[in-house]
């Protein structure tokens, strides 16, 4: 392994032989770092943190720091990061809490840009893009291939479906169904993520079917009980959309915000 002489590495950590530990990096007790993962410089990794293979972590990021939760009493909770992720400068990723899932999870092939935050008990899938300054509160779930625009703010316990997209500065306080686009503070669901869906080669007939479901369940504001049981499709993407809405605990983002009183 390559460990810079200015780095501080605990003897009670596990570092793969091909990992690269850059200057002024701190590796604490209980940390595990996989093959070919590179910590560029000035990175702090602490807690019960496991980092997989082929990750790149940039300067001044804090990985596995204790959760920012007043209920946390120094319990042994975890952070698990998969393979082939890029975590840019000044990012913070916290471990879980015993009141949550006791673990924060980040999947594979994600790009987390500078100044982003992943709070305790979050679960991120694969191939997610968090643009600069995106902030996740605790217990957030993000499915595969979602994109968070710069400075997006995601409320605790919110779910973002696969291939969803939040525009710059969005404040998301309810669940965003898969394939949808959200914008605003507070955010509205303003339509399908059509650009993203065309880029992945989704067929026009599938996009049209999703657009119909979006109109029924998001724009018309019908009670889910009135619509969900009859909205079944030969397209798996439509069925995923319907299931997401049916299982939502916080409620989903709508096209129109409720009037404030």
C-alpha atoms as a PDB file:
ATOM      1  CA  UNK A   1       0.000   0.000   0.000  1.00  0.00           C
ATOM      2  CA  UNK A   2       1.009   3.630  -0.452  1.00  0.00           C
ATOM      3  CA  UNK A   3       0.718   5.710   2.707  1.00  0.00           C
ATOM      4  CA  UNK A   4       2.150   9.207   2.703  1.00  0.00           C
ATOM      5  CA  UNK A   5       4.516   9.807   5.626  1.00  0.00           C
ATOM      6  CA  UNK A   6       2.385  12.696   6.895  1.00  0.00           C
ATOM      7  CA  UNK A   7      -0.750  10.513   7.106  1.00  0.00           C
ATOM      8  CA  UNK A   8      -1.924   9.104  10.445  1.00  0.00           C
ATOM      9  CA  UNK A   9      -3.298   5.580  10.142  1.00  0.00           C
ATOM     10  CA  UNK A  10      -4.597   3.548  13.072  1.00  0.00           C
ATOM     11  CA  UNK A  11      -3.097   0.110  13.573  1.00  0.00           C
ATOM     12  CA  UNK A  12      -6.649  -1.067  14.181  1.00  0.00           C
ATOM     13  CA  UNK A  13      -7.768  -0.200  10.655  1.00  0.00           C
ATOM     14  CA  UNK A  14      -7.728  -2.470   7.595  1.00  0.00           C
ATOM     15  CA  UNK A  15      -6.152  -0.957   4.485  1.00  0.00           C
ATOM     16  CA  UNK A  16      -5.930  -2.911   1.218  1.00  0.00           C
ATOM     17  CA  UNK A  17      -2.454  -3.338  -0.237  1.00  0.00           C
ATOM     18  CA  UNK A  18      -3.309  -1.294  -3.364  1.00  0.00           C
ATOM     19  CA  UNK A  19      -5.028   1.593  -1.554  1.00  0.00           C
ATOM     20  CA  UNK A  20      -3.447   5.056  -1.673  1.00  0.00           C
ATOM     21  CA  UNK A  21      -3.507   7.224   1.450  1.00  0.00           C
ATOM     22  CA  UNK A  22      -2.507  10.787   0.636  1.00  0.00           C
ATOM     23  CA  UNK A  23      -0.813  13.534   2.672  1.00  0.00           C
ATOM     24  CA  UNK A  24      -2.234  14.605   6.048  1.00  0.00           C
ATOM     25  CA  UNK A  25      -4.992  12.038   5.914  1.00  0.00           C
ATOM     26  CA  UNK A  26      -6.376  10.581   9.164  1.00  0.00           C
ATOM     27  CA  UNK A  27      -7.626   6.983   9.366  1.00  0.00           C
ATOM     28  CA  UNK A  28      -9.231   5.999  12.672  1.00  0.00           C
ATOM     29  CA  UNK A  29      -9.894   2.744  14.516  1.00  0.00           C
ATOM     30  CA  UNK A  30     -12.264   0.288  12.874  1.00  0.00           C
ATOM     31  CA  UNK A  31     -11.992   1.752   9.359  1.00  0.00           C
ATOM     32  CA  UNK A  32     -11.769  -0.614   6.362  1.00  0.00           C
ATOM     33  CA  UNK A  33     -10.582   0.594   2.939  1.00  0.00           C
ATOM     34  CA  UNK A  34     -10.715  -1.602  -0.164  1.00  0.00           C
ATOM     35  CA  UNK A  35      -8.476  -2.203  -3.158  1.00  0.00           C
ATOM     36  CA  UNK A  36      -7.405   0.741  -5.333  1.00  0.00           C
ATOM     37  CA  UNK A  37      -9.306   3.302  -3.288  1.00  0.00           C
ATOM     38  CA  UNK A  38      -7.473   6.623  -3.166  1.00  0.00           C
ATOM     39  CA  UNK A  39      -7.759   9.276  -0.478  1.00  0.00           C
ATOM     40  CA  UNK A  40      -6.184  12.298  -2.155  1.00  0.00           C
ATOM     41  CA  UNK A  41      -5.080  14.352   0.864  1.00  0.00           C
ATOM     42  CA  UNK A  42      -6.409  15.886   4.104  1.00  0.00           C
ATOM     43  CA  UNK A  43      -9.225  13.313   4.300  1.00  0.00           C
ATOM     44  CA  UNK A  44     -10.581  12.163   7.662  1.00  0.00           C
ATOM     45  CA  UNK A  45     -12.094   8.677   7.871  1.00  0.00           C
ATOM     46  CA  UNK A  46     -13.415   7.615  11.260  1.00  0.00           C
ATOM     47  CA  UNK A  47     -16.012   5.476  13.008  1.00  0.00           C
ATOM     48  CA  UNK A  48     -17.092   2.016  11.897  1.00  0.00           C
ATOM     49  CA  UNK A  49     -16.648   2.886   8.230  1.00  0.00           C
ATOM     50  CA  UNK A  50     -16.196   0.442   5.376  1.00  0.00           C
ATOM     51  CA  UNK A  51     -15.125   1.791   1.985  1.00  0.00           C
ATOM     52  CA  UNK A  52     -15.075  -0.551  -1.014  1.00  0.00           C
ATOM     53  CA  UNK A  53     -12.914  -0.718  -4.129  1.00  0.00           C
ATOM     54  CA  UNK A  54     -11.828   1.901  -6.651  1.00  0.00           C
ATOM     55  CA  UNK A  55     -13.196   4.941  -4.843  1.00  0.00           C
ATOM     56  CA  UNK A  56     -11.691   8.417  -5.082  1.00  0.00           C
ATOM     57  CA  UNK A  57     -12.101  10.744  -2.117  1.00  0.00           C
ATOM     58  CA  UNK A  58     -10.902  14.316  -2.433  1.00  0.00           C
ATOM     59  CA  UNK A  59      -9.349  16.733   0.094  1.00  0.00           C
ATOM     60  CA  UNK A  60     -11.030  17.917   3.299  1.00  0.00           C
ATOM     61  CA  UNK A  61     -13.862  15.401   3.196  1.00  0.00           C
ATOM     62  CA  UNK A  62     -14.977  13.840   6.495  1.00  0.00           C
ATOM     63  CA  UNK A  63     -16.117  10.258   6.041  1.00  0.00           C
ATOM     64  CA  UNK A  64     -17.826   8.407   8.879  1.00  0.00           C
ATOM     65  CA  UNK A  65     -18.130  11.320  11.268  1.00  0.00           C
ATOM     66  CA  UNK A  66     -20.653  10.983  14.113  1.00  0.00           C
ATOM     67  CA  UNK A  67     -24.255  11.799  13.170  1.00  0.00           C
ATOM     68  CA  UNK A  68     -25.517  15.320  13.761  1.00  0.00           C
ATOM     69  CA  UNK A  69     -28.393  14.091  15.899  1.00  0.00           C
ATOM     70  CA  UNK A  70     -29.027  15.094  19.513  1.00  0.00           C
ATOM     71  CA  UNK A  71     -30.120  11.542  20.338  1.00  0.00           C
ATOM     72  CA  UNK A  72     -26.711  10.132  19.429  1.00  0.00           C
ATOM     73  CA  UNK A  73     -24.800   8.905  22.495  1.00  0.00           C
ATOM     74  CA  UNK A  74     -21.607   7.629  20.901  1.00  0.00           C
ATOM     75  CA  UNK A  75     -23.115   4.265  19.925  1.00  0.00           C
ATOM     76  CA  UNK A  76     -21.203   2.056  17.493  1.00  0.00           C
ATOM     77  CA  UNK A  77     -23.052   2.707  14.234  1.00  0.00           C
ATOM     78  CA  UNK A  78     -21.775   2.301  10.699  1.00  0.00           C
ATOM     79  CA  UNK A  79     -21.156   3.867   7.296  1.00  0.00           C
ATOM     80  CA  UNK A  80     -20.839   1.569   4.284  1.00  0.00           C
ATOM     81  CA  UNK A  81     -19.614   2.880   0.920  1.00  0.00           C
ATOM     82  CA  UNK A  82     -19.564   0.625  -2.144  1.00  0.00           C
ATOM     83  CA  UNK A  83     -17.277   0.645  -5.177  1.00  0.00           C
ATOM     84  CA  UNK A  84     -16.266   3.127  -7.889  1.00  0.00           C
ATOM     85  CA  UNK A  85     -17.605   6.243  -6.177  1.00  0.00           C
ATOM     86  CA  UNK A  86     -16.169   9.746  -6.519  1.00  0.00           C
ATOM     87  CA  UNK A  87     -16.525  11.967  -3.459  1.00  0.00           C
ATOM     88  CA  UNK A  88     -15.248  15.452  -4.113  1.00  0.00           C
ATOM     89  CA  UNK A  89     -13.861  18.176  -1.842  1.00  0.00           C
ATOM     90  CA  UNK A  90     -15.351  19.068   1.544  1.00  0.00           C
ATOM     91  CA  UNK A  91     -18.066  16.418   1.588  1.00  0.00           C
ATOM     92  CA  UNK A  92     -19.408  14.975   4.849  1.00  0.00           C
ATOM     93  CA  UNK A  93     -20.918  11.497   5.206  1.00  0.00           C
ATOM     94  CA  UNK A  94     -22.133  10.453   8.664  1.00  0.00           C
ATOM     95  CA  UNK A  95     -22.654   7.087  10.309  1.00  0.00           C
ATOM     96  CA  UNK A  96     -26.143   5.917  11.303  1.00  0.00           C
ATOM     97  CA  UNK A  97     -28.076   6.162  14.558  1.00  0.00           C
ATOM     98  CA  UNK A  98     -29.585   3.439  16.730  1.00  0.00           C
ATOM     99  CA  UNK A  99     -32.942   5.231  16.464  1.00  0.00           C
ATOM    100  CA  UNK A 100     -32.672   4.811  12.694  1.00  0.00           C
ATOM    101  CA  UNK A 101     -31.176   1.890  10.787  1.00  0.00           C
ATOM    102  CA  UNK A 102     -27.803   2.090  12.589  1.00  0.00           C
ATOM    103  CA  UNK A 103     -26.130   2.392   9.192  1.00  0.00           C
ATOM    104  CA  UNK A 104     -25.712   4.923   6.404  1.00  0.00           C
ATOM    105  CA  UNK A 105     -25.244   3.321   2.989  1.00  0.00           C
ATOM    106  CA  UNK A 106     -23.835   4.578  -0.308  1.00  0.00           C
ATOM    107  CA  UNK A 107     -23.946   2.231  -3.292  1.00  0.00           C
ATOM    108  CA  UNK A 108     -21.741   2.094  -6.383  1.00  0.00           C
ATOM    109  CA  UNK A 109     -20.636   4.486  -9.130  1.00  0.00           C
ATOM    110  CA  UNK A 110     -22.023   7.610  -7.494  1.00  0.00           C
ATOM    111  CA  UNK A 111     -20.665  11.108  -8.006  1.00  0.00           C
ATOM    112  CA  UNK A 112     -20.978  13.283  -4.900  1.00  0.00           C
ATOM    113  CA  UNK A 113     -19.731  16.758  -5.758  1.00  0.00           C
ATOM    114  CA  UNK A 114     -18.052  19.285  -3.482  1.00  0.00           C
ATOM    115  CA  UNK A 115     -19.667  20.514  -0.250  1.00  0.00           C
ATOM    116  CA  UNK A 116     -22.409  17.878  -0.284  1.00  0.00           C
ATOM    117  CA  UNK A 117     -23.729  16.212   2.875  1.00  0.00           C
ATOM    118  CA  UNK A 118     -25.135  12.724   3.428  1.00  0.00           C
ATOM    119  CA  UNK A 119     -26.652  12.553   6.910  1.00  0.00           C
ATOM    120  CA  UNK A 120     -27.234   9.626   9.247  1.00  0.00           C
ATOM    121  CA  UNK A 121     -29.281   6.613   8.166  1.00  0.00           C
ATOM    122  CA  UNK A 122     -29.526   7.665   4.519  1.00  0.00           C
ATOM    123  CA  UNK A 123     -29.468   5.019   1.824  1.00  0.00           C
ATOM    124  CA  UNK A 124     -28.186   5.849  -1.665  1.00  0.00           C
ATOM    125  CA  UNK A 125     -28.401   3.437  -4.572  1.00  0.00           C
ATOM    126  CA  UNK A 126     -26.125   3.383  -7.628  1.00  0.00           C
ATOM    127  CA  UNK A 127     -25.153   5.929 -10.289  1.00  0.00           C
ATOM    128  CA  UNK A 128     -26.569   8.890  -8.398  1.00  0.00           C
ATOM    129  CA  UNK A 129     -25.289  12.392  -9.098  1.00  0.00           C
ATOM    130  CA  UNK A 130     -25.330  14.918  -6.254  1.00  0.00           C
ATOM    131  CA  UNK A 131     -24.227  18.275  -7.648  1.00  0.00           C
ATOM    132  CA  UNK A 132     -22.291  20.804  -5.570  1.00  0.00           C
ATOM    133  CA  UNK A 133     -23.800  21.624  -2.198  1.00  0.00           C
ATOM    134  CA  UNK A 134     -26.635  19.077  -2.287  1.00  0.00           C
ATOM    135  CA  UNK A 135     -27.733  18.342   1.287  1.00  0.00           C
ATOM    136  CA  UNK A 136     -29.481  15.237   2.572  1.00  0.00           C
ATOM    137  CA  UNK A 137     -31.101  15.252   6.004  1.00  0.00           C
ATOM    138  CA  UNK A 138     -31.369  12.016   7.962  1.00  0.00           C
ATOM    139  CA  UNK A 139     -33.172   8.881   6.774  1.00  0.00           C
ATOM    140  CA  UNK A 140     -33.342   9.944   3.111  1.00  0.00           C
ATOM    141  CA  UNK A 141     -33.619   7.182   0.501  1.00  0.00           C
ATOM    142  CA  UNK A 142     -32.450   7.827  -3.075  1.00  0.00           C
ATOM    143  CA  UNK A 143     -32.938   5.219  -5.782  1.00  0.00           C
ATOM    144  CA  UNK A 144     -30.611   4.478  -8.694  1.00  0.00           C
ATOM    145  CA  UNK A 145     -29.718   7.068 -11.340  1.00  0.00           C
ATOM    146  CA  UNK A 146     -31.323  10.025  -9.563  1.00  0.00           C
ATOM    147  CA  UNK A 147     -29.825  13.488 -10.096  1.00  0.00           C
ATOM    148  CA  UNK A 148     -29.789  16.249  -7.482  1.00  0.00           C
ATOM    149  CA  UNK A 149     -29.136  19.735  -8.795  1.00  0.00           C
ATOM    150  CA  UNK A 150     -26.741  22.066  -7.019  1.00  0.00           C
ATOM    151  CA  UNK A 151     -27.802  23.137  -3.513  1.00  0.00           C
ATOM    152  CA  UNK A 152     -30.835  20.856  -3.465  1.00  0.00           C
ATOM    153  CA  UNK A 153     -32.181  20.422   0.080  1.00  0.00           C
ATOM    154  CA  UNK A 154     -33.817  17.098   0.919  1.00  0.00           C
ATOM    155  CA  UNK A 155     -35.975  16.866   4.054  1.00  0.00           C
ATOM    156  CA  UNK A 156     -35.578  13.951   6.449  1.00  0.00           C
ATOM    157  CA  UNK A 157     -37.398  10.702   5.606  1.00  0.00           C
ATOM    158  CA  UNK A 158     -37.958  11.770   1.983  1.00  0.00           C
ATOM    159  CA  UNK A 159     -37.652   9.252  -0.855  1.00  0.00           C
ATOM    160  CA  UNK A 160     -36.469  10.070  -4.367  1.00  0.00           C
ATOM    161  CA  UNK A 161     -37.325   7.522  -7.053  1.00  0.00           C
ATOM    162  CA  UNK A 162     -35.091   6.210  -9.806  1.00  0.00           C
ATOM    163  CA  UNK A 163     -34.185   8.589 -12.627  1.00  0.00           C
ATOM    164  CA  UNK A 164     -35.760  11.488 -10.741  1.00  0.00           C
ATOM    165  CA  UNK A 165     -34.263  14.967 -11.076  1.00  0.00           C
ATOM    166  CA  UNK A 166     -34.237  17.977  -8.759  1.00  0.00           C
ATOM    167  CA  UNK A 167     -33.313  21.327 -10.269  1.00  0.00           C
ATOM    168  CA  UNK A 168     -30.867  23.763  -8.692  1.00  0.00           C
ATOM    169  CA  UNK A 169     -31.912  25.032  -5.283  1.00  0.00           C
ATOM    170  CA  UNK A 170     -34.911  22.736  -4.919  1.00  0.00           C
ATOM    171  CA  UNK A 171     -36.269  22.199  -1.394  1.00  0.00           C
ATOM    172  CA  UNK A 172     -37.840  18.747  -1.343  1.00  0.00           C
ATOM    173  CA  UNK A 173     -40.149  18.024   1.588  1.00  0.00           C
ATOM    174  CA  UNK A 174     -42.188  15.131   0.151  1.00  0.00           C
ATOM    175  CA  UNK A 175     -41.457  12.017  -1.876  1.00  0.00           C
ATOM    176  CA  UNK A 176     -40.564  12.476  -5.545  1.00  0.00           C
ATOM    177  CA  UNK A 177     -41.802   9.568  -7.698  1.00  0.00           C
ATOM    178  CA  UNK A 178     -39.471   7.848 -10.160  1.00  0.00           C
ATOM    179  CA  UNK A 179     -38.827   9.495 -13.532  1.00  0.00           C
ATOM    180  CA  UNK A 180     -40.122  12.875 -12.320  1.00  0.00           C
ATOM    181  CA  UNK A 181     -38.649  16.364 -12.316  1.00  0.00           C
ATOM    182  CA  UNK A 182     -38.991  18.714  -9.316  1.00  0.00           C
ATOM    183  CA  UNK A 183     -38.177  22.386  -8.959  1.00  0.00           C
ATOM    184  CA  UNK A 184     -38.742  25.241  -6.530  1.00  0.00           C
ATOM    185  CA  UNK A 185     -38.688  26.130  -2.837  1.00  0.00           C
ATOM    186  CA  UNK A 186     -40.779  24.401  -1.697  1.00  0.00           C
ATOM    187  CA  UNK A 187     -40.522  22.166  -4.725  1.00  0.00           C
ATOM    188  CA  UNK A 188     -43.294  21.118  -7.080  1.00  0.00           C
ATOM    189  CA  UNK A 189     -43.339  18.095  -9.366  1.00  0.00           C
ATOM    190  CA  UNK A 190     -43.346  19.843 -12.720  1.00  0.00           C
ATOM    191  CA  UNK A 191     -43.332  16.872 -15.088  1.00  0.00           C
ATOM    192  CA  UNK A 192     -41.374  13.878 -16.239  1.00  0.00           C
ATOM    193  CA  UNK A 193     -37.596  13.923 -16.523  1.00  0.00           C
ATOM    194  CA  UNK A 194     -38.029  13.597 -20.274  1.00  0.00           C
ATOM    195  CA  UNK A 195     -34.487  14.599 -21.204  1.00  0.00           C
ATOM    196  CA  UNK A 196     -33.011  11.978 -18.885  1.00  0.00           C
ATOM    197  CA  UNK A 197     -35.438   9.308 -20.062  1.00  0.00           C
ATOM    198  CA  UNK A 198     -34.625   9.957 -23.720  1.00  0.00           C
ATOM    199  CA  UNK A 199     -30.917   9.808 -22.934  1.00  0.00           C
ATOM    200  CA  UNK A 200     -31.257   6.288 -21.548  1.00  0.00           C
ATOM    201  CA  UNK A 201     -33.189   5.216 -24.631  1.00  0.00           C
ATOM    202  CA  UNK A 202     -36.618   4.819 -23.052  1.00  0.00           C
ATOM    203  CA  UNK A 203     -39.205   4.148 -25.731  1.00  0.00           C
ATOM    204  CA  UNK A 204     -41.716   6.851 -26.606  1.00  0.00           C
ATOM    205  CA  UNK A 205     -44.675   4.618 -25.745  1.00  0.00           C
ATOM    206  CA  UNK A 206     -43.300   4.067 -22.229  1.00  0.00           C
ATOM    207  CA  UNK A 207     -42.751   7.805 -21.717  1.00  0.00           C
ATOM    208  CA  UNK A 208     -46.309   8.473 -22.927  1.00  0.00           C
ATOM    209  CA  UNK A 209     -47.668   5.893 -20.475  1.00  0.00           C
ATOM    210  CA  UNK A 210     -45.702   7.488 -17.622  1.00  0.00           C
ATOM    211  CA  UNK A 211     -47.013  10.913 -18.634  1.00  0.00           C
ATOM    212  CA  UNK A 212     -50.585   9.630 -18.352  1.00  0.00           C
ATOM    213  CA  UNK A 213     -49.948   8.260 -14.863  1.00  0.00           C
ATOM    214  CA  UNK A 214     -48.278  11.539 -13.883  1.00  0.00           C
ATOM    215  CA  UNK A 215     -51.380  13.459 -14.956  1.00  0.00           C
ATOM    216  CA  UNK A 216     -53.670  11.121 -13.035  1.00  0.00           C
ATOM    217  CA  UNK A 217     -51.738  10.846  -9.780  1.00  0.00           C
ATOM    218  CA  UNK A 218     -49.834  14.127  -9.563  1.00  0.00           C
ATOM    219  CA  UNK A 219     -51.585  16.834 -11.563  1.00  0.00           C
ATOM    220  CA  UNK A 220     -55.210  15.884 -10.880  1.00  0.00           C
ATOM    221  CA  UNK A 221     -54.591  15.327  -7.144  1.00  0.00           C
ATOM    222  CA  UNK A 222     -56.970  12.375  -7.083  1.00  0.00           C
ATOM    223  CA  UNK A 223     -57.057  10.288  -3.937  1.00  0.00           C
ATOM    224  CA  UNK A 224     -54.669   7.357  -4.447  1.00  0.00           C
ATOM    225  CA  UNK A 225     -57.409   4.956  -3.358  1.00  0.00           C
ATOM    226  CA  UNK A 226     -59.469   6.094  -6.342  1.00  0.00           C
ATOM    227  CA  UNK A 227     -56.771   5.451  -8.901  1.00  0.00           C
ATOM    228  CA  UNK A 228     -53.996   3.138  -7.742  1.00  0.00           C
ATOM    229  CA  UNK A 229     -55.818  -0.163  -8.008  1.00  0.00           C
ATOM    230  CA  UNK A 230     -56.878   0.445 -11.593  1.00  0.00           C
ATOM    231  CA  UNK A 231     -53.577   1.791 -12.896  1.00  0.00           C
ATOM    232  CA  UNK A 232     -51.843  -1.356 -14.009  1.00  0.00           C
ATOM    233  CA  UNK A 233     -49.737  -1.497 -17.135  1.00  0.00           C
ATOM    234  CA  UNK A 234     -47.724  -3.846 -19.291  1.00  0.00           C
ATOM    235  CA  UNK A 235     -44.814  -1.469 -18.696  1.00  0.00           C
ATOM    236  CA  UNK A 236     -42.791  -2.179 -15.561  1.00  0.00           C
ATOM    237  CA  UNK A 237     -41.852   1.499 -15.302  1.00  0.00           C
ATOM    238  CA  UNK A 238     -45.499   2.496 -14.895  1.00  0.00           C
ATOM    239  CA  UNK A 239     -46.084  -0.186 -12.272  1.00  0.00           C
ATOM    240  CA  UNK A 240     -43.005   1.061 -10.369  1.00  0.00           C
ATOM    241  CA  UNK A 241     -44.441   4.587 -10.422  1.00  0.00           C
ATOM    242  CA  UNK A 242     -47.793   3.409  -9.069  1.00  0.00           C
ATOM    243  CA  UNK A 243     -46.182   1.252  -6.384  1.00  0.00           C
ATOM    244  CA  UNK A 244     -43.995   4.169  -5.266  1.00  0.00           C
ATOM    245  CA  UNK A 245     -47.037   6.408  -4.812  1.00  0.00           C
ATOM    246  CA  UNK A 246     -48.954   3.673  -3.027  1.00  0.00           C
ATOM    247  CA  UNK A 247     -46.124   3.055  -0.558  1.00  0.00           C
ATOM    248  CA  UNK A 248     -45.335   6.722   0.148  1.00  0.00           C
ATOM    249  CA  UNK A 249     -45.476   7.600   3.832  1.00  0.00           C
ATOM    250  CA  UNK A 250     -44.884  11.352   3.548  1.00  0.00           C
ATOM    251  CA  UNK A 251     -47.055  11.907   0.504  1.00  0.00           C
ATOM    252  CA  UNK A 252     -45.730  12.848  -2.909  1.00  0.00           C
ATOM    253  CA  UNK A 253     -44.814  16.167  -4.439  1.00  0.00           C
ATOM    254  CA  UNK A 254     -47.640  17.661  -6.468  1.00  0.00           C
ATOM    255  CA  UNK A 255     -47.790  20.025  -9.414  1.00  0.00           C
ATOM    256  CA  UNK A 256     -49.503  22.713  -7.326  1.00  0.00           C
ATOM    257  CA  UNK A 257     -48.607  23.641  -3.768  1.00  0.00           C
ATOM    258  CA  UNK A 258     -51.284  23.880  -1.127  1.00  0.00           C
ATOM    259  CA  UNK A 259     -52.186  27.419  -0.214  1.00  0.00           C
ATOM    260  CA  UNK A 260     -50.517  28.614   2.983  1.00  0.00           C
ATOM    261  CA  UNK A 261     -52.745  29.688   5.848  1.00  0.00           C
END
